[in-house]
PDB file of N, CA and C in Angstrom:
ATOM      1  N   MET A   1       0.854  -1.156   0.000  1.00  0.00           N
ATOM      2  CA  MET A   1      -0.001  -0.008  -0.002  1.00  0.00           C
ATOM      3  C   MET A   1       0.909   1.221   0.001  1.00  0.00           C
ATOM      4  N   ALA A   2       0.587   2.178  -0.863  1.00  0.00           N
ATOM      5  CA  ALA A   2       1.377   3.402  -0.941  1.00  0.00           C
ATOM      6  C   ALA A   2       0.469   4.540  -1.405  1.00  0.00           C
ATOM      7  N   GLY A   3       0.753   5.716  -0.930  1.00  0.00           N
ATOM      8  CA  GLY A   3       0.029   6.899  -1.359  1.00  0.00           C
ATOM      9  C   GLY A   3       0.982   8.064  -1.432  1.00  0.00           C
ATOM     10  N   HIS A   4       0.772   8.930  -2.403  1.00  0.00           N
ATOM     11  CA  HIS A   4       1.630  10.107  -2.531  1.00  0.00           C
ATOM     12  C   HIS A   4       0.907  11.192  -3.348  1.00  0.00           C
ATOM     13  N   VAL A   5       1.379  12.416  -3.154  1.00  0.00           N
ATOM     14  CA  VAL A   5       0.875  13.547  -3.912  1.00  0.00           C
ATOM     15  C   VAL A   5       1.794  13.731  -5.093  1.00  0.00           C
ATOM     16  N   ASP A   6       1.182  13.824  -6.278  1.00  0.00           N
ATOM     17  CA  ASP A   6       1.928  14.007  -7.515  1.00  0.00           C
ATOM     18  C   ASP A   6       1.289  15.166  -8.276  1.00  0.00           C
ATOM     19  N   GLY A   7       1.890  16.338  -8.157  1.00  0.00           N
ATOM     20  CA  GLY A   7       1.312  17.523  -8.804  1.00  0.00           C
ATOM     21  C   GLY A   7       0.009  17.910  -8.170  1.00  0.00           C
ATOM     22  N   ASP A   8      -1.073  17.875  -8.941  1.00  0.00           N
ATOM     23  CA  ASP A   8      -2.390  18.282  -8.451  1.00  0.00           C
ATOM     24  C   ASP A   8      -3.279  17.121  -8.029  1.00  0.00           C
ATOM     25  N   ALA A   9      -2.670  15.938  -7.789  1.00  0.00           N
ATOM     26  CA  ALA A   9      -3.464  14.761  -7.461  1.00  0.00           C
ATOM     27  C   ALA A   9      -2.825  13.922  -6.370  1.00  0.00           C
ATOM     28  N   PHE A  10      -3.679  13.182  -5.665  1.00  0.00           N
ATOM     29  CA  PHE A  10      -3.243  12.189  -4.693  1.00  0.00           C
ATOM     30  C   PHE A  10      -3.428  10.823  -5.340  1.00  0.00           C
ATOM     31  N   SER A  11      -2.378  10.016  -5.330  1.00  0.00           N
ATOM     32  CA  SER A  11      -2.445   8.669  -5.896  1.00  0.00           C
ATOM     33  C   SER A  11      -2.270   7.638  -4.804  1.00  0.00           C
ATOM     34  N   PHE A  12      -3.097   6.599  -4.866  1.00  0.00           N
ATOM     35  CA  PHE A  12      -3.076   5.520  -3.884  1.00  0.00           C
ATOM     36  C   PHE A  12      -2.966   4.196  -4.642  1.00  0.00           C
ATOM     37  N   THR A  13      -2.074   3.337  -4.185  1.00  0.00           N
ATOM     38  CA  THR A  13      -1.883   2.022  -4.815  1.00  0.00           C
ATOM     39  C   THR A  13      -1.939   0.937  -3.745  1.00  0.00           C
ATOM     40  N   TRP A  14      -2.673  -0.125  -4.039  1.00  0.00           N
ATOM     41  CA  TRP A  14      -2.776  -1.303  -3.189  1.00  0.00           C
ATOM     42  C   TRP A  14      -2.383  -2.501  -4.042  1.00  0.00           C
ATOM     43  N   GLN A  15      -1.363  -3.239  -3.631  1.00  0.00           N
ATOM     44  CA  GLN A  15      -0.952  -4.435  -4.368  1.00  0.00           C
ATOM     45  C   GLN A  15      -0.883  -5.617  -3.400  1.00  0.00           C
ATOM     46  N   GLU A  16      -1.542  -6.692  -3.758  1.00  0.00           N
ATOM     47  CA  GLU A  16      -1.483  -7.916  -2.971  1.00  0.00           C
ATOM     48  C   GLU A  16      -0.527  -8.891  -3.643  1.00  0.00           C
ATOM     49  N   TYR A  17       0.203  -9.643  -2.841  1.00  0.00           N
ATOM     50  CA  TYR A  17       1.117 -10.643  -3.380  1.00  0.00           C
ATOM     51  C   TYR A  17       1.400 -11.680  -2.303  1.00  0.00           C
ATOM     52  N   GLY A  18       1.938 -12.816  -2.718  1.00  0.00           N
ATOM     53  CA  GLY A  18       2.291 -13.866  -1.772  1.00  0.00           C
ATOM     54  C   GLY A  18       1.164 -14.830  -1.444  1.00  0.00           C
ATOM     55  N   GLY A  19       0.001 -14.619  -2.005  1.00  0.00           N
ATOM     56  CA  GLY A  19      -1.117 -15.516  -1.743  1.00  0.00           C
ATOM     57  C   GLY A  19      -1.353 -16.431  -2.931  1.00  0.00           C
ATOM     58  N   PRO A  20      -2.492 -17.076  -2.946  1.00  0.00           N
ATOM     59  CA  PRO A  20      -2.818 -17.931  -4.095  1.00  0.00           C
ATOM     60  C   PRO A  20      -3.030 -17.081  -5.342  1.00  0.00           C
ATOM     61  N   ALA A  21      -2.909 -17.709  -6.502  1.00  0.00           N
ATOM     62  CA  ALA A  21      -3.145 -17.006  -7.768  1.00  0.00           C
ATOM     63  C   ALA A  21      -4.566 -16.445  -7.815  1.00  0.00           C
ATOM     64  N   VAL A  22      -4.723 -15.262  -8.401  1.00  0.00           N
ATOM     65  CA  VAL A  22      -6.043 -14.650  -8.501  1.00  0.00           C
ATOM     66  C   VAL A  22      -6.472 -14.564  -9.963  1.00  0.00           C
ATOM     67  N   ALA A  23      -7.743 -14.321 -10.156  1.00  0.00           N
ATOM     68  CA  ALA A  23      -8.321 -14.144 -11.487  1.00  0.00           C
ATOM     69  C   ALA A  23      -9.423 -13.104 -11.366  1.00  0.00           C
ATOM     70  N   PRO A  24      -9.784 -12.453 -12.461  1.00  0.00           N
ATOM     71  CA  PRO A  24     -10.896 -11.489 -12.398  1.00  0.00           C
ATOM     72  C   PRO A  24     -12.156 -12.165 -11.861  1.00  0.00           C
ATOM     73  N   PRO A  25     -12.935 -11.420 -11.064  1.00  0.00           N
ATOM     74  CA  PRO A  25     -14.162 -12.008 -10.508  1.00  0.00           C
ATOM     75  C   PRO A  25     -15.175 -12.330 -11.606  1.00  0.00           C
ATOM     76  N   THR A  26     -15.989 -13.312 -11.337  1.00  0.00           N
ATOM     77  CA  THR A  26     -17.036 -13.687 -12.303  1.00  0.00           C
ATOM     78  C   THR A  26     -18.330 -12.939 -12.032  1.00  0.00           C
ATOM     79  N   ARG A  27     -18.419 -12.240 -10.904  1.00  0.00           N
ATOM     80  CA  ARG A  27     -19.591 -11.434 -10.580  1.00  0.00           C
ATOM     81  C   ARG A  27     -19.133 -10.179  -9.851  1.00  0.00           C
ATOM     82  N   GLN A  28     -20.001  -9.199  -9.773  1.00  0.00           N
ATOM     83  CA  GLN A  28     -19.663  -7.950  -9.084  1.00  0.00           C
ATOM     84  C   GLN A  28     -20.232  -7.999  -7.676  1.00  0.00           C
ATOM     85  N   GLY A  29     -19.346  -8.125  -6.698  1.00  0.00           N
ATOM     86  CA  GLY A  29     -19.758  -8.166  -5.302  1.00  0.00           C
ATOM     87  C   GLY A  29     -19.675  -6.800  -4.642  1.00  0.00           C
ATOM     88  N   PHE A  30     -19.937  -6.749  -3.334  1.00  0.00           N
ATOM     89  CA  PHE A  30     -19.943  -5.500  -2.585  1.00  0.00           C
ATOM     90  C   PHE A  30     -18.594  -4.791  -2.650  1.00  0.00           C
ATOM     91  N   GLY A  31     -17.505  -5.544  -2.454  1.00  0.00           N
ATOM     92  CA  GLY A  31     -16.172  -4.937  -2.498  1.00  0.00           C
ATOM     93  C   GLY A  31     -15.872  -4.277  -3.824  1.00  0.00           C
ATOM     94  N   ASN A  32     -16.243  -4.924  -4.879  1.00  0.00           N
ATOM     95  CA  ASN A  32     -16.026  -4.371  -6.219  1.00  0.00           C
ATOM     96  C   ASN A  32     -16.854  -3.103  -6.408  1.00  0.00           C
ATOM     97  N   ILE A  33     -18.075  -3.103  -5.920  1.00  0.00           N
ATOM     98  CA  ILE A  33     -18.937  -1.928  -6.016  1.00  0.00           C
ATOM     99  C   ILE A  33     -18.310  -0.754  -5.293  1.00  0.00           C
ATOM    100  N   VAL A  34     -17.793  -0.985  -4.088  1.00  0.00           N
ATOM    101  CA  VAL A  34     -17.173   0.087  -3.303  1.00  0.00           C
ATOM    102  C   VAL A  34     -15.884   0.563  -3.965  1.00  0.00           C
ATOM    103  N   LEU A  35     -14.998  -0.368  -4.292  1.00  0.00           N
ATOM    104  CA  LEU A  35     -13.678  -0.010  -4.811  1.00  0.00           C
ATOM    105  C   LEU A  35     -13.735   0.665  -6.180  1.00  0.00           C
ATOM    106  N   GLN A  36     -14.702   0.293  -7.015  1.00  0.00           N
ATOM    107  CA  GLN A  36     -14.780   0.885  -8.349  1.00  0.00           C
ATOM    108  C   GLN A  36     -15.939   1.868  -8.499  1.00  0.00           C
ATOM    109  N   GLY A  37     -17.115   1.456  -8.092  1.00  0.00           N
ATOM    110  CA  GLY A  37     -18.283   2.294  -8.301  1.00  0.00           C
ATOM    111  C   GLY A  37     -18.330   3.520  -7.442  1.00  0.00           C
ATOM    112  N   VAL A  38     -18.257   3.361  -6.132  1.00  0.00           N
ATOM    113  CA  VAL A  38     -18.336   4.501  -5.222  1.00  0.00           C
ATOM    114  C   VAL A  38     -17.119   5.392  -5.388  1.00  0.00           C
ATOM    115  N   ALA A  39     -15.939   4.802  -5.420  1.00  0.00           N
ATOM    116  CA  ALA A  39     -14.709   5.584  -5.580  1.00  0.00           C
ATOM    117  C   ALA A  39     -14.728   6.329  -6.914  1.00  0.00           C
ATOM    118  N   GLY A  40     -15.298   5.725  -7.932  1.00  0.00           N
ATOM    119  CA  GLY A  40     -15.368   6.346  -9.239  1.00  0.00           C
ATOM    120  C   GLY A  40     -16.214   7.608  -9.279  1.00  0.00           C
ATOM    121  N   GLN A  41     -17.056   7.806  -8.268  1.00  0.00           N
ATOM    122  CA  GLN A  41     -17.885   9.003  -8.216  1.00  0.00           C
ATOM    123  C   GLN A  41     -17.078  10.248  -7.854  1.00  0.00           C
ATOM    124  N   PHE A  42     -15.928  10.079  -7.183  1.00  0.00           N
ATOM    125  CA  PHE A  42     -15.127  11.244  -6.816  1.00  0.00           C
ATOM    126  C   PHE A  42     -13.696  11.173  -7.311  1.00  0.00           C
ATOM    127  N   ALA A  43     -13.257  10.024  -7.765  1.00  0.00           N
ATOM    128  CA  ALA A  43     -11.873   9.859  -8.215  1.00  0.00           C
ATOM    129  C   ALA A  43     -11.736  10.241  -9.687  1.00  0.00           C
ATOM    130  N   ASP A  44     -10.561  10.707 -10.027  1.00  0.00           N
ATOM    131  CA  ASP A  44     -10.229  11.013 -11.412  1.00  0.00           C
ATOM    132  C   ASP A  44      -9.963   9.734 -12.184  1.00  0.00           C
ATOM    133  N   LYS A  45      -9.394   8.737 -11.498  1.00  0.00           N
ATOM    134  CA  LYS A  45      -9.059   7.461 -12.136  1.00  0.00           C
ATOM    135  C   LYS A  45      -9.153   6.328 -11.107  1.00  0.00           C
ATOM    136  N   VAL A  46      -9.797   5.244 -11.478  1.00  0.00           N
ATOM    137  CA  VAL A  46      -9.873   4.044 -10.659  1.00  0.00           C
ATOM    138  C   VAL A  46      -9.519   2.871 -11.559  1.00  0.00           C
ATOM    139  N   GLU A  47      -8.568   2.068 -11.116  1.00  0.00           N
ATOM    140  CA  GLU A  47      -8.145   0.915 -11.919  1.00  0.00           C
ATOM    141  C   GLU A  47      -7.951  -0.294 -11.015  1.00  0.00           C
ATOM    142  N   MET A  48      -8.560  -1.404 -11.385  1.00  0.00           N
ATOM    143  CA  MET A  48      -8.391  -2.643 -10.636  1.00  0.00           C
ATOM    144  C   MET A  48      -8.035  -3.740 -11.654  1.00  0.00           C
ATOM    145  N   THR A  49      -6.895  -4.399 -11.411  1.00  0.00           N
ATOM    146  CA  THR A  49      -6.475  -5.478 -12.297  1.00  0.00           C
ATOM    147  C   THR A  49      -6.206  -6.725 -11.446  1.00  0.00           C
ATOM    148  N   PHE A  50      -6.192  -7.863 -12.110  1.00  0.00           N
ATOM    149  CA  PHE A  50      -6.070  -9.137 -11.418  1.00  0.00           C
ATOM    150  C   PHE A  50      -4.965 -10.005 -12.024  1.00  0.00           C
ATOM    151  N   PRO A  51      -3.697  -9.557 -11.972  1.00  0.00           N
ATOM    152  CA  PRO A  51      -2.623 -10.436 -12.434  1.00  0.00           C
ATOM    153  C   PRO A  51      -2.549 -11.656 -11.502  1.00  0.00           C
ATOM    154  N   PRO A  52      -2.022 -12.775 -11.973  1.00  0.00           N
ATOM    155  CA  PRO A  52      -1.971 -13.989 -11.138  1.00  0.00           C
ATOM    156  C   PRO A  52      -1.297 -13.786  -9.782  1.00  0.00           C
ATOM    157  N   ALA A  53      -0.338 -12.855  -9.681  1.00  0.00           N
ATOM    158  CA  ALA A  53       0.389 -12.640  -8.425  1.00  0.00           C
ATOM    159  C   ALA A  53      -0.470 -12.002  -7.340  1.00  0.00           C
ATOM    160  N   GLY A  54      -1.544 -11.298  -7.721  1.00  0.00           N
ATOM    161  CA  GLY A  54      -2.420 -10.664  -6.725  1.00  0.00           C
ATOM    162  C   GLY A  54      -3.116  -9.426  -7.255  1.00  0.00           C
ATOM    163  N   LEU A  55      -4.155  -9.022  -6.570  1.00  0.00           N
ATOM    164  CA  LEU A  55      -4.951  -7.847  -6.931  1.00  0.00           C
ATOM    165  C   LEU A  55      -4.076  -6.591  -6.942  1.00  0.00           C
ATOM    166  N   GLU A  56      -4.307  -5.720  -7.938  1.00  0.00           N
ATOM    167  CA  GLU A  56      -3.679  -4.414  -8.000  1.00  0.00           C
ATOM    168  C   GLU A  56      -4.786  -3.383  -8.142  1.00  0.00           C
ATOM    169  N   TYR A  57      -4.777  -2.376  -7.247  1.00  0.00           N
ATOM    170  CA  TYR A  57      -5.820  -1.341  -7.235  1.00  0.00           C
ATOM    171  C   TYR A  57      -5.136   0.018  -7.213  1.00  0.00           C
ATOM    172  N   ARG A  58      -5.549   0.876  -8.118  1.00  0.00           N
ATOM    173  CA  ARG A  58      -4.980   2.220  -8.188  1.00  0.00           C
ATOM    174  C   ARG A  58      -6.105   3.242  -8.212  1.00  0.00           C
ATOM    175  N   LEU A  59      -5.920   4.311  -7.434  1.00  0.00           N
ATOM    176  CA  LEU A  59      -6.912   5.363  -7.310  1.00  0.00           C
ATOM    177  C   LEU A  59      -6.184   6.694  -7.429  1.00  0.00           C
ATOM    178  N   ARG A  60      -6.731   7.604  -8.226  1.00  0.00           N
ATOM    179  CA  ARG A  60      -6.144   8.942  -8.374  1.00  0.00           C
ATOM    180  C   ARG A  60      -7.255   9.942  -8.138  1.00  0.00           C
ATOM    181  N   ILE A  61      -7.026  10.873  -7.210  1.00  0.00           N
ATOM    182  CA  ILE A  61      -8.022  11.885  -6.850  1.00  0.00           C
ATOM    183  C   ILE A  61      -7.393  13.261  -6.988  1.00  0.00           C
ATOM    184  N   LEU A  62      -8.040  14.144  -7.711  1.00  0.00           N
ATOM    185  CA  LEU A  62      -7.554  15.508  -7.810  1.00  0.00           C
ATOM    186  C   LEU A  62      -7.641  16.168  -6.435  1.00  0.00           C
ATOM    187  N   LEU A  63      -6.584  16.874  -6.052  1.00  0.00           N
ATOM    188  CA  LEU A  63      -6.531  17.466  -4.709  1.00  0.00           C
ATOM    189  C   LEU A  63      -7.672  18.437  -4.462  1.00  0.00           C
ATOM    190  N   GLY A  64      -8.146  19.096  -5.488  1.00  0.00           N
ATOM    191  CA  GLY A  64      -9.250  20.034  -5.332  1.00  0.00           C
ATOM    192  C   GLY A  64     -10.559  19.358  -4.925  1.00  0.00           C
ATOM    193  N   ARG A  65     -10.635  18.038  -5.066  1.00  0.00           N
ATOM    194  CA  ARG A  65     -11.845  17.303  -4.697  1.00  0.00           C
ATOM    195  C   ARG A  65     -11.767  16.754  -3.280  1.00  0.00           C
ATOM    196  N   LEU A  66     -10.610  16.911  -2.621  1.00  0.00           N
ATOM    197  CA  LEU A  66     -10.442  16.433  -1.247  1.00  0.00           C
ATOM    198  C   LEU A  66     -10.717  17.539  -0.259  1.00  0.00           C
ATOM    199  N   GLU A  67     -11.260  17.176   0.876  1.00  0.00           N
ATOM    200  CA  GLU A  67     -11.506  18.127   1.950  1.00  0.00           C
ATOM    201  C   GLU A  67     -10.957  17.524   3.228  1.00  0.00           C
ATOM    202  N   VAL A  68     -10.127  18.293   3.922  1.00  0.00           N
ATOM    203  CA  VAL A  68      -9.543  17.819   5.177  1.00  0.00           C
ATOM    204  C   VAL A  68     -10.404  18.312   6.317  1.00  0.00           C
ATOM    205  N   ARG A  69     -10.826  17.384   7.155  1.00  0.00           N
ATOM    206  CA  ARG A  69     -11.625  17.718   8.341  1.00  0.00           C
ATOM    207  C   ARG A  69     -10.927  17.174   9.560  1.00  0.00           C
ATOM    208  N   THR A  70     -10.836  17.960  10.595  1.00  0.00           N
ATOM    209  CA  THR A  70     -10.261  17.520  11.860  1.00  0.00           C
ATOM    210  C   THR A  70     -11.225  17.872  12.987  1.00  0.00           C
ATOM    211  N   PRO A  71     -11.189  17.091  14.056  1.00  0.00           N
ATOM    212  CA  PRO A  71     -12.039  17.419  15.202  1.00  0.00           C
ATOM    213  C   PRO A  71     -11.655  18.803  15.743  1.00  0.00           C
ATOM    214  N   ARG A  72     -12.610  19.496  16.313  1.00  0.00           N
ATOM    215  CA  ARG A  72     -12.375  20.824  16.849  1.00  0.00           C
ATOM    216  C   ARG A  72     -11.218  20.813  17.838  1.00  0.00           C
ATOM    217  N   GLY A  73     -10.255  21.684  17.635  1.00  0.00           N
ATOM    218  CA  GLY A  73      -9.105  21.779  18.535  1.00  0.00           C
ATOM    219  C   GLY A  73      -7.961  20.821  18.231  1.00  0.00           C
ATOM    220  N   ALA A  74      -8.151  19.889  17.318  1.00  0.00           N
ATOM    221  CA  ALA A  74      -7.093  18.941  16.973  1.00  0.00           C
ATOM    222  C   ALA A  74      -6.241  19.506  15.847  1.00  0.00           C
ATOM    223  N   PRO A  75      -4.932  19.279  15.885  1.00  0.00           N
ATOM    224  CA  PRO A  75      -4.090  19.757  14.787  1.00  0.00           C
ATOM    225  C   PRO A  75      -4.342  18.946  13.528  1.00  0.00           C
ATOM    226  N   SER A  76      -4.247  19.595  12.383  1.00  0.00           N
ATOM    227  CA  SER A  76      -4.434  18.916  11.115  1.00  0.00           C
ATOM    228  C   SER A  76      -3.185  18.140  10.732  1.00  0.00           C
ATOM    229  N   ALA A  77      -3.343  16.897  10.280  1.00  0.00           N
ATOM    230  CA  ALA A  77      -2.200  16.091   9.854  1.00  0.00           C
ATOM    231  C   ALA A  77      -1.747  16.478   8.461  1.00  0.00           C
ATOM    232  N   ILE A  78      -2.621  17.088   7.670  1.00  0.00           N
ATOM    233  CA  ILE A  78      -2.277  17.500   6.311  1.00  0.00           C
ATOM    234  C   ILE A  78      -2.295  19.014   6.244  1.00  0.00           C
ATOM    235  N   ARG A  79      -1.227  19.576   5.796  1.00  0.00           N
ATOM    236  CA  ARG A  79      -1.145  21.053   5.671  1.00  0.00           C
ATOM    237  C   ARG A  79      -0.651  21.418   4.316  1.00  0.00           C
TER     238      ARG A  79
END
C-alpha cells in the first residue's frame, strides 16, 4: 500500500502478493462496487487489475476534490 501527492493529485496504490493465484471475478460483489463504483464518483481514475500474483488497485483523486476535516481543537495532519 502506498500513497503520494503528484502535482495536483493524490495517488493511492494497493498491491497484494504472496497468496494464491487470482483471477478477475465472475460477478460484481460489494467490495467491487465500493472499490470501483463508489470511488469512481469522486476519483479522477480508478483501476483494478487481477494479475496472477495478486490484486492491484490504483486510485487517483484531484486534490481540489479532497476536503480535510479535523475534530475541533485537533491539529491537522495534512497542511
